[in-house]
PDB file of N, CA and C in Angstrom:
ATOM      1  N   UNK A   1       2.572  -0.305  12.914  1.00  0.00           N
ATOM      2  CA  UNK A   1       2.474  -1.659  12.427  1.00  0.00           C
ATOM      3  C   UNK A   1       3.713  -1.948  11.599  1.00  0.00           C
ATOM      4  N   UNK A   2       4.266  -3.082  11.793  1.00  0.00           N
ATOM      5  CA  UNK A   2       5.455  -3.476  11.042  1.00  0.00           C
ATOM      6  C   UNK A   2       5.070  -3.924   9.641  1.00  0.00           C
ATOM      7  N   UNK A   3       6.003  -3.727   8.735  1.00  0.00           N
ATOM      8  CA  UNK A   3       5.787  -4.172   7.366  1.00  0.00           C
ATOM      9  C   UNK A   3       6.875  -5.162   6.995  1.00  0.00           C
ATOM     10  N   UNK A   4       6.764  -5.737   5.818  1.00  0.00           N
ATOM     11  CA  UNK A   4       7.666  -6.797   5.382  1.00  0.00           C
ATOM     12  C   UNK A   4       9.144  -6.458   5.476  1.00  0.00           C
ATOM     13  N   UNK A   5       9.953  -7.493   5.595  1.00  0.00           N
ATOM     14  CA  UNK A   5      11.391  -7.312   5.601  1.00  0.00           C
ATOM     15  C   UNK A   5      12.051  -7.566   6.943  1.00  0.00           C
ATOM     16  N   UNK A   6      11.270  -7.627   8.010  1.00  0.00           N
ATOM     17  CA  UNK A   6      11.831  -7.840   9.338  1.00  0.00           C
ATOM     18  C   UNK A   6      11.634  -9.264   9.813  1.00  0.00           C
ATOM     19  N   UNK A   7      11.932  -9.482  11.092  1.00  0.00           N
ATOM     20  CA  UNK A   7      11.795 -10.821  11.674  1.00  0.00           C
ATOM     21  C   UNK A   7      10.389 -11.087  12.202  1.00  0.00           C
ATOM     22  N   UNK A   8       9.647 -10.027  12.483  1.00  0.00           N
ATOM     23  CA  UNK A   8       8.299 -10.181  13.024  1.00  0.00           C
ATOM     24  C   UNK A   8       7.364 -10.697  11.930  1.00  0.00           C
ATOM     25  N   UNK A   9       6.577 -11.730  12.219  1.00  0.00           N
ATOM     26  CA  UNK A   9       5.625 -12.218  11.210  1.00  0.00           C
ATOM     27  C   UNK A   9       4.625 -11.116  10.839  1.00  0.00           C
ATOM     28  N   UNK A  10       4.319 -11.027   9.580  1.00  0.00           N
ATOM     29  CA  UNK A  10       3.384 -10.017   9.105  1.00  0.00           C
ATOM     30  C   UNK A  10       1.996 -10.638   9.035  1.00  0.00           C
ATOM     31  N   UNK A  11       1.054  -9.995   9.702  1.00  0.00           N
ATOM     32  CA  UNK A  11      -0.325 -10.480   9.715  1.00  0.00           C
ATOM     33  C   UNK A  11      -1.123  -9.798   8.616  1.00  0.00           C
ATOM     34  N   UNK A  12      -2.093 -10.510   8.086  1.00  0.00           N
ATOM     35  CA  UNK A  12      -2.977  -9.946   7.067  1.00  0.00           C
ATOM     36  C   UNK A  12      -3.954  -8.987   7.734  1.00  0.00           C
ATOM     37  N   UNK A  13      -4.587  -8.106   6.956  1.00  0.00           N
ATOM     38  CA  UNK A  13      -5.599  -7.231   7.547  1.00  0.00           C
ATOM     39  C   UNK A  13      -6.696  -8.011   8.282  1.00  0.00           C
ATOM     40  N   UNK A  14      -7.113  -9.152   7.747  1.00  0.00           N
ATOM     41  CA  UNK A  14      -8.143  -9.964   8.414  1.00  0.00           C
ATOM     42  C   UNK A  14      -7.653 -10.484   9.760  1.00  0.00           C
ATOM     43  N   UNK A  15      -6.413 -10.940   9.803  1.00  0.00           N
ATOM     44  CA  UNK A  15      -5.851 -11.430  11.067  1.00  0.00           C
ATOM     45  C   UNK A  15      -5.741 -10.303  12.089  1.00  0.00           C
ATOM     46  N   UNK A  16      -5.359  -9.131  11.627  1.00  0.00           N
ATOM     47  CA  UNK A  16      -5.263  -7.986  12.536  1.00  0.00           C
ATOM     48  C   UNK A  16      -6.642  -7.594  13.063  1.00  0.00           C
ATOM     49  N   UNK A  17      -7.641  -7.640  12.196  1.00  0.00           N
ATOM     50  CA  UNK A  17      -9.011  -7.353  12.623  1.00  0.00           C
ATOM     51  C   UNK A  17      -9.468  -8.372  13.663  1.00  0.00           C
ATOM     52  N   UNK A  18      -9.123  -9.628  13.447  1.00  0.00           N
ATOM     53  CA  UNK A  18      -9.509 -10.689  14.384  1.00  0.00           C
ATOM     54  C   UNK A  18      -8.933 -10.473  15.782  1.00  0.00           C
ATOM     55  N   UNK A  19      -7.775  -9.843  15.871  1.00  0.00           N
ATOM     56  CA  UNK A  19      -7.183  -9.617  17.197  1.00  0.00           C
ATOM     57  C   UNK A  19      -7.477  -8.219  17.739  1.00  0.00           C
ATOM     58  N   UNK A  20      -8.402  -7.499  17.072  1.00  0.00           N
ATOM     59  CA  UNK A  20      -8.909  -6.263  17.640  1.00  0.00           C
ATOM     60  C   UNK A  20      -8.511  -4.961  16.985  1.00  0.00           C
ATOM     61  N   UNK A  21      -7.686  -4.999  15.954  1.00  0.00           N
ATOM     62  CA  UNK A  21      -7.311  -3.749  15.293  1.00  0.00           C
ATOM     63  C   UNK A  21      -8.480  -3.234  14.460  1.00  0.00           C
ATOM     64  N   UNK A  22      -8.709  -1.931  14.537  1.00  0.00           N
ATOM     65  CA  UNK A  22      -9.773  -1.289  13.755  1.00  0.00           C
ATOM     66  C   UNK A  22      -9.215  -0.536  12.553  1.00  0.00           C
ATOM     67  N   UNK A  23      -7.939  -0.187  12.633  1.00  0.00           N
ATOM     68  CA  UNK A  23      -7.310   0.586  11.564  1.00  0.00           C
ATOM     69  C   UNK A  23      -5.878   0.102  11.388  1.00  0.00           C
ATOM     70  N   UNK A  24      -5.506  -0.148  10.159  1.00  0.00           N
ATOM     71  CA  UNK A  24      -4.142  -0.562   9.838  1.00  0.00           C
ATOM     72  C   UNK A  24      -3.685   0.274   8.653  1.00  0.00           C
ATOM     73  N   UNK A  25      -2.486   0.808   8.730  1.00  0.00           N
ATOM     74  CA  UNK A  25      -1.926   1.569   7.613  1.00  0.00           C
ATOM     75  C   UNK A  25      -0.626   0.906   7.169  1.00  0.00           C
ATOM     76  N   UNK A  26      -0.291   1.097   5.930  1.00  0.00           N
ATOM     77  CA  UNK A  26       0.906   0.499   5.351  1.00  0.00           C
ATOM     78  C   UNK A  26       1.739   1.585   4.667  1.00  0.00           C
ATOM     79  N   UNK A  27       2.294   2.524   5.422  1.00  0.00           N
ATOM     80  CA  UNK A  27       2.993   3.654   4.799  1.00  0.00           C
ATOM     81  C   UNK A  27       4.211   3.249   3.980  1.00  0.00           C
ATOM     82  N   UNK A  28       5.001   2.308   4.468  1.00  0.00           N
ATOM     83  CA  UNK A  28       6.192   1.910   3.711  1.00  0.00           C
ATOM     84  C   UNK A  28       5.823   1.135   2.459  1.00  0.00           C
ATOM     85  N   UNK A  29       4.779   0.326   2.535  1.00  0.00           N
ATOM     86  CA  UNK A  29       4.323  -0.397   1.347  1.00  0.00           C
ATOM     87  C   UNK A  29       3.854   0.583   0.280  1.00  0.00           C
ATOM     88  N   UNK A  30       3.051   1.564   0.679  1.00  0.00           N
ATOM     89  CA  UNK A  30       2.549   2.548  -0.284  1.00  0.00           C
ATOM     90  C   UNK A  30       3.681   3.371  -0.868  1.00  0.00           C
ATOM     91  N   UNK A  31       4.603   3.809  -0.020  1.00  0.00           N
ATOM     92  CA  UNK A  31       5.741   4.577  -0.505  1.00  0.00           C
ATOM     93  C   UNK A  31       6.606   3.729  -1.434  1.00  0.00           C
ATOM     94  N   UNK A  32       6.847   2.493  -1.047  1.00  0.00           N
ATOM     95  CA  UNK A  32       7.688   1.609  -1.855  1.00  0.00           C
ATOM     96  C   UNK A  32       7.128   1.340  -3.234  1.00  0.00           C
ATOM     97  N   UNK A  33       5.839   1.005  -3.320  1.00  0.00           N
ATOM     98  CA  UNK A  33       5.262   0.729  -4.642  1.00  0.00           C
ATOM     99  C   UNK A  33       5.165   2.009  -5.473  1.00  0.00           C
ATOM    100  N   UNK A  34       4.974   3.155  -4.813  1.00  0.00           N
ATOM    101  CA  UNK A  34       4.956   4.432  -5.535  1.00  0.00           C
ATOM    102  C   UNK A  34       6.322   4.725  -6.144  1.00  0.00           C
ATOM    103  N   UNK A  35       7.370   4.542  -5.345  1.00  0.00           N
ATOM    104  CA  UNK A  35       8.730   4.770  -5.842  1.00  0.00           C
ATOM    105  C   UNK A  35       9.037   3.837  -7.004  1.00  0.00           C
ATOM    106  N   UNK A  36       8.695   2.566  -6.863  1.00  0.00           N
ATOM    107  CA  UNK A  36       8.963   1.584  -7.924  1.00  0.00           C
ATOM    108  C   UNK A  36       8.225   1.962  -9.209  1.00  0.00           C
ATOM    109  N   UNK A  37       6.973   2.381  -9.085  1.00  0.00           N
ATOM    110  CA  UNK A  37       6.200   2.785 -10.265  1.00  0.00           C
ATOM    111  C   UNK A  37       6.835   4.004 -10.936  1.00  0.00           C
ATOM    112  N   UNK A  38       7.296   4.969 -10.136  1.00  0.00           N
ATOM    113  CA  UNK A  38       7.937   6.155 -10.707  1.00  0.00           C
ATOM    114  C   UNK A  38       9.254   5.792 -11.394  1.00  0.00           C
ATOM    115  N   UNK A  39      10.035   4.923 -10.763  1.00  0.00           N
ATOM    116  CA  UNK A  39      11.291   4.493 -11.384  1.00  0.00           C
ATOM    117  C   UNK A  39      11.028   3.783 -12.706  1.00  0.00           C
ATOM    118  N   UNK A  40      10.066   2.885 -12.718  1.00  0.00           N
ATOM    119  CA  UNK A  40       9.728   2.163 -13.949  1.00  0.00           C
ATOM    120  C   UNK A  40       9.267   3.126 -15.044  1.00  0.00           C
ATOM    121  N   UNK A  41       8.442   4.107 -14.669  1.00  0.00           N
ATOM    122  CA  UNK A  41       7.960   5.085 -15.646  1.00  0.00           C
ATOM    123  C   UNK A  41       9.115   5.917 -16.193  1.00  0.00           C
ATOM    124  N   UNK A  42      10.029   6.334 -15.325  1.00  0.00           N
ATOM    125  CA  UNK A  42      11.168   7.136 -15.776  1.00  0.00           C
ATOM    126  C   UNK A  42      12.094   6.343 -16.688  1.00  0.00           C
ATOM    127  N   UNK A  43      12.293   5.072 -16.384  1.00  0.00           N
ATOM    128  CA  UNK A  43      13.104   4.215 -17.258  1.00  0.00           C
ATOM    129  C   UNK A  43      12.440   4.118 -18.632  1.00  0.00           C
ATOM    130  N   UNK A  44      11.121   3.940 -18.636  1.00  0.00           N
ATOM    131  CA  UNK A  44      10.399   3.873 -19.907  1.00  0.00           C
ATOM    132  C   UNK A  44      10.479   5.171 -20.685  1.00  0.00           C
ATOM    133  N   UNK A  45      10.300   6.298 -20.006  1.00  0.00           N
ATOM    134  CA  UNK A  45      10.363   7.601 -20.674  1.00  0.00           C
ATOM    135  C   UNK A  45      11.761   7.830 -21.241  1.00  0.00           C
ATOM    136  N   UNK A  46      12.781   7.495 -20.458  1.00  0.00           N
ATOM    137  CA  UNK A  46      14.162   7.649 -20.929  1.00  0.00           C
ATOM    138  C   UNK A  46      14.406   6.820 -22.186  1.00  0.00           C
ATOM    139  N   UNK A  47      13.735   5.685 -22.286  1.00  0.00           N
ATOM    140  CA  UNK A  47      13.875   4.806 -23.451  1.00  0.00           C
ATOM    141  C   UNK A  47      12.978   5.228 -24.611  1.00  0.00           C
ATOM    142  N   UNK A  48      12.216   6.316 -24.421  1.00  0.00           N
ATOM    143  CA  UNK A  48      11.362   6.815 -25.484  1.00  0.00           C
ATOM    144  C   UNK A  48       9.939   6.311 -25.445  1.00  0.00           C
ATOM    145  N   UNK A  49       9.554   5.648 -24.370  1.00  0.00           N
ATOM    146  CA  UNK A  49       8.195   5.114 -24.253  1.00  0.00           C
ATOM    147  C   UNK A  49       7.373   6.001 -23.321  1.00  0.00           C
ATOM    148  N   UNK A  50       6.456   6.741 -23.896  1.00  0.00           N
ATOM    149  CA  UNK A  50       5.556   7.585 -23.113  1.00  0.00           C
ATOM    150  C   UNK A  50       4.409   6.704 -22.621  1.00  0.00           C
ATOM    151  N   UNK A  51       4.009   6.838 -21.344  1.00  0.00           N
ATOM    152  CA  UNK A  51       2.899   6.007 -20.846  1.00  0.00           C
ATOM    153  C   UNK A  51       1.648   6.186 -21.707  1.00  0.00           C
ATOM    154  N   UNK A  52       1.045   5.098 -22.158  1.00  0.00           N
ATOM    155  CA  UNK A  52      -0.136   5.204 -23.019  1.00  0.00           C
ATOM    156  C   UNK A  52      -1.348   5.760 -22.276  1.00  0.00           C
ATOM    157  N   UNK A  53      -2.217   6.377 -23.049  1.00  0.00           N
ATOM    158  CA  UNK A  53      -3.467   6.901 -22.496  1.00  0.00           C
ATOM    159  C   UNK A  53      -4.219   5.756 -21.828  1.00  0.00           C
ATOM    160  N   UNK A  54      -4.771   6.025 -20.666  1.00  0.00           N
ATOM    161  CA  UNK A  54      -5.532   5.013 -19.943  1.00  0.00           C
ATOM    162  C   UNK A  54      -4.730   4.297 -18.870  1.00  0.00           C
ATOM    163  N   UNK A  55      -3.398   4.510 -18.870  1.00  0.00           N
ATOM    164  CA  UNK A  55      -2.586   3.863 -17.839  1.00  0.00           C
ATOM    165  C   UNK A  55      -2.354   4.766 -16.640  1.00  0.00           C
ATOM    166  N   UNK A  56      -2.858   5.986 -16.713  1.00  0.00           N
ATOM    167  CA  UNK A  56      -2.729   6.909 -15.593  1.00  0.00           C
ATOM    168  C   UNK A  56      -3.957   7.812 -15.569  1.00  0.00           C
ATOM    169  N   UNK A  57      -4.196   8.481 -14.445  1.00  0.00           N
ATOM    170  CA  UNK A  57      -5.360   9.366 -14.374  1.00  0.00           C
ATOM    171  C   UNK A  57      -5.227  10.536 -15.353  1.00  0.00           C
ATOM    172  N   UNK A  58      -6.366  11.069 -15.758  1.00  0.00           N
ATOM    173  CA  UNK A  58      -6.365  12.268 -16.597  1.00  0.00           C
ATOM    174  C   UNK A  58      -5.879  13.450 -15.760  1.00  0.00           C
ATOM    175  N   UNK A  59      -5.556  14.554 -16.425  1.00  0.00           N
ATOM    176  CA  UNK A  59      -5.114  15.744 -15.702  1.00  0.00           C
ATOM    177  C   UNK A  59      -6.207  16.225 -14.747  1.00  0.00           C
ATOM    178  N   UNK A  60      -7.460  16.160 -15.191  1.00  0.00           N
ATOM    179  CA  UNK A  60      -8.573  16.562 -14.319  1.00  0.00           C
ATOM    180  C   UNK A  60      -8.648  15.665 -13.083  1.00  0.00           C
ATOM    181  N   UNK A  61      -8.459  14.362 -13.274  1.00  0.00           N
ATOM    182  CA  UNK A  61      -8.470  13.436 -12.131  1.00  0.00           C
ATOM    183  C   UNK A  61      -7.297  13.705 -11.192  1.00  0.00           C
ATOM    184  N   UNK A  62      -6.135  13.991 -11.759  1.00  0.00           N
ATOM    185  CA  UNK A  62      -4.967  14.304 -10.931  1.00  0.00           C
ATOM    186  C   UNK A  62      -5.237  15.544 -10.088  1.00  0.00           C
ATOM    187  N   UNK A  63      -5.814  16.575 -10.704  1.00  0.00           N
ATOM    188  CA  UNK A  63      -6.123  17.801  -9.948  1.00  0.00           C
ATOM    189  C   UNK A  63      -7.072  17.504  -8.794  1.00  0.00           C
ATOM    190  N   UNK A  64      -8.046  16.659  -9.021  1.00  0.00           N
ATOM    191  CA  UNK A  64      -9.006  16.309  -7.969  1.00  0.00           C
ATOM    192  C   UNK A  64      -8.326  15.497  -6.866  1.00  0.00           C
ATOM    193  N   UNK A  65      -7.534  14.503  -7.238  1.00  0.00           N
ATOM    194  CA  UNK A  65      -6.855  13.644  -6.264  1.00  0.00           C
ATOM    195  C   UNK A  65      -5.906  14.454  -5.388  1.00  0.00           C
ATOM    196  N   UNK A  66      -5.138  15.349  -6.011  1.00  0.00           N
ATOM    197  CA  UNK A  66      -4.136  16.129  -5.291  1.00  0.00           C
ATOM    198  C   UNK A  66      -4.776  17.255  -4.478  1.00  0.00           C
ATOM    199  N   UNK A  67      -5.968  17.662  -4.851  1.00  0.00           N
ATOM    200  CA  UNK A  67      -6.664  18.694  -4.091  1.00  0.00           C
ATOM    201  C   UNK A  67      -6.623  20.074  -4.722  1.00  0.00           C
ATOM    202  N   UNK A  68      -6.210  20.154  -5.986  1.00  0.00           N
ATOM    203  CA  UNK A  68      -6.161  21.451  -6.650  1.00  0.00           C
ATOM    204  C   UNK A  68      -7.525  22.119  -6.681  1.00  0.00           C
ATOM    205  N   UNK A  69      -8.568  21.345  -6.945  1.00  0.00           N
ATOM    206  CA  UNK A  69      -9.899  21.940  -7.075  1.00  0.00           C
ATOM    207  C   UNK A  69     -10.341  22.604  -5.780  1.00  0.00           C
ATOM    208  N   UNK A  70     -10.026  22.015  -4.636  1.00  0.00           N
ATOM    209  CA  UNK A  70     -10.344  22.650  -3.351  1.00  0.00           C
ATOM    210  C   UNK A  70      -9.535  23.928  -3.181  1.00  0.00           C
ATOM    211  N   UNK A  71      -8.281  23.890  -3.604  1.00  0.00           N
ATOM    212  CA  UNK A  71      -7.435  25.083  -3.539  1.00  0.00           C
ATOM    213  C   UNK A  71      -8.042  26.187  -4.399  1.00  0.00           C
ATOM    214  N   UNK A  72      -8.464  25.843  -5.614  1.00  0.00           N
ATOM    215  CA  UNK A  72      -9.069  26.837  -6.502  1.00  0.00           C
ATOM    216  C   UNK A  72     -10.354  27.403  -5.896  1.00  0.00           C
ATOM    217  N   UNK A  73     -11.147  26.557  -5.239  1.00  0.00           N
ATOM    218  CA  UNK A  73     -12.362  27.031  -4.569  1.00  0.00           C
ATOM    219  C   UNK A  73     -12.017  28.048  -3.486  1.00  0.00           C
ATOM    220  N   UNK A  74     -10.992  27.748  -2.693  1.00  0.00           N
ATOM    221  CA  UNK A  74     -10.568  28.677  -1.633  1.00  0.00           C
ATOM    222  C   UNK A  74     -10.008  29.963  -2.232  1.00  0.00           C
ATOM    223  N   UNK A  75      -9.280  29.830  -3.321  1.00  0.00           N
ATOM    224  CA  UNK A  75      -8.736  31.012  -3.988  1.00  0.00           C
ATOM    225  C   UNK A  75      -9.872  31.930  -4.428  1.00  0.00           C
ATOM    226  N   UNK A  76     -10.907  31.354  -5.024  1.00  0.00           N
ATOM    227  CA  UNK A  76     -12.059  32.150  -5.459  1.00  0.00           C
ATOM    228  C   UNK A  76     -12.806  32.736  -4.272  1.00  0.00           C
ATOM    229  N   UNK A  77     -12.894  31.986  -3.206  1.00  0.00           N
ATOM    230  CA  UNK A  77     -13.614  32.442  -2.014  1.00  0.00           C
ATOM    231  C   UNK A  77     -12.954  33.672  -1.391  1.00  0.00           C
ATOM    232  N   UNK A  78     -11.634  33.694  -1.352  1.00  0.00           N
ATOM    233  CA  UNK A  78     -10.923  34.767  -0.665  1.00  0.00           C
ATOM    234  C   UNK A  78     -10.332  35.820  -1.597  1.00  0.00           C
ATOM    235  N   UNK A  79     -10.521  35.667  -2.890  1.00  0.00           N
ATOM    236  CA  UNK A  79      -9.964  36.632  -3.839  1.00  0.00           C
ATOM    237  C   UNK A  79     -10.648  37.985  -3.685  1.00  0.00           C
ATOM    238  N   UNK A  80      -9.864  39.028  -3.874  1.00  0.00           N
ATOM    239  CA  UNK A  80     -10.427  40.377  -3.841  1.00  0.00           C
ATOM    240  C   UNK A  80     -10.743  40.804  -5.266  1.00  0.00           C
ATOM    241  N   UNK A  81     -11.648  41.725  -5.391  1.00  0.00           N
ATOM    242  CA  UNK A  81     -12.024  42.225  -6.710  1.00  0.00           C
ATOM    243  C   UNK A  81     -11.303  43.542  -6.938  1.00  0.00           C
ATOM    244  N   UNK A  82     -10.187  43.451  -7.641  1.00  0.00           N
ATOM    245  CA  UNK A  82      -9.395  44.658  -7.933  1.00  0.00           C
ATOM    246  C   UNK A  82      -9.761  45.227  -9.267  1.00  0.00           C
TER     247      UNK A  82
END
């Protein structure tokens, strides 16, 4: 699926559903907003502004989102008892 910036008109998810699409992904949009958020955060940190509590997930939430907890479960499952 094309994303913004080209000559092809961009359809909304509803319009795409109306013409038969069941799944639409926006990889460049997600990557772009992620990069912009990281750049903005780094500019703020460089200026001495640490992101305030509540503006990002907790460390526990980050571990869950990234999949650390599943990794730890597998580590425990396959660990040997030395």
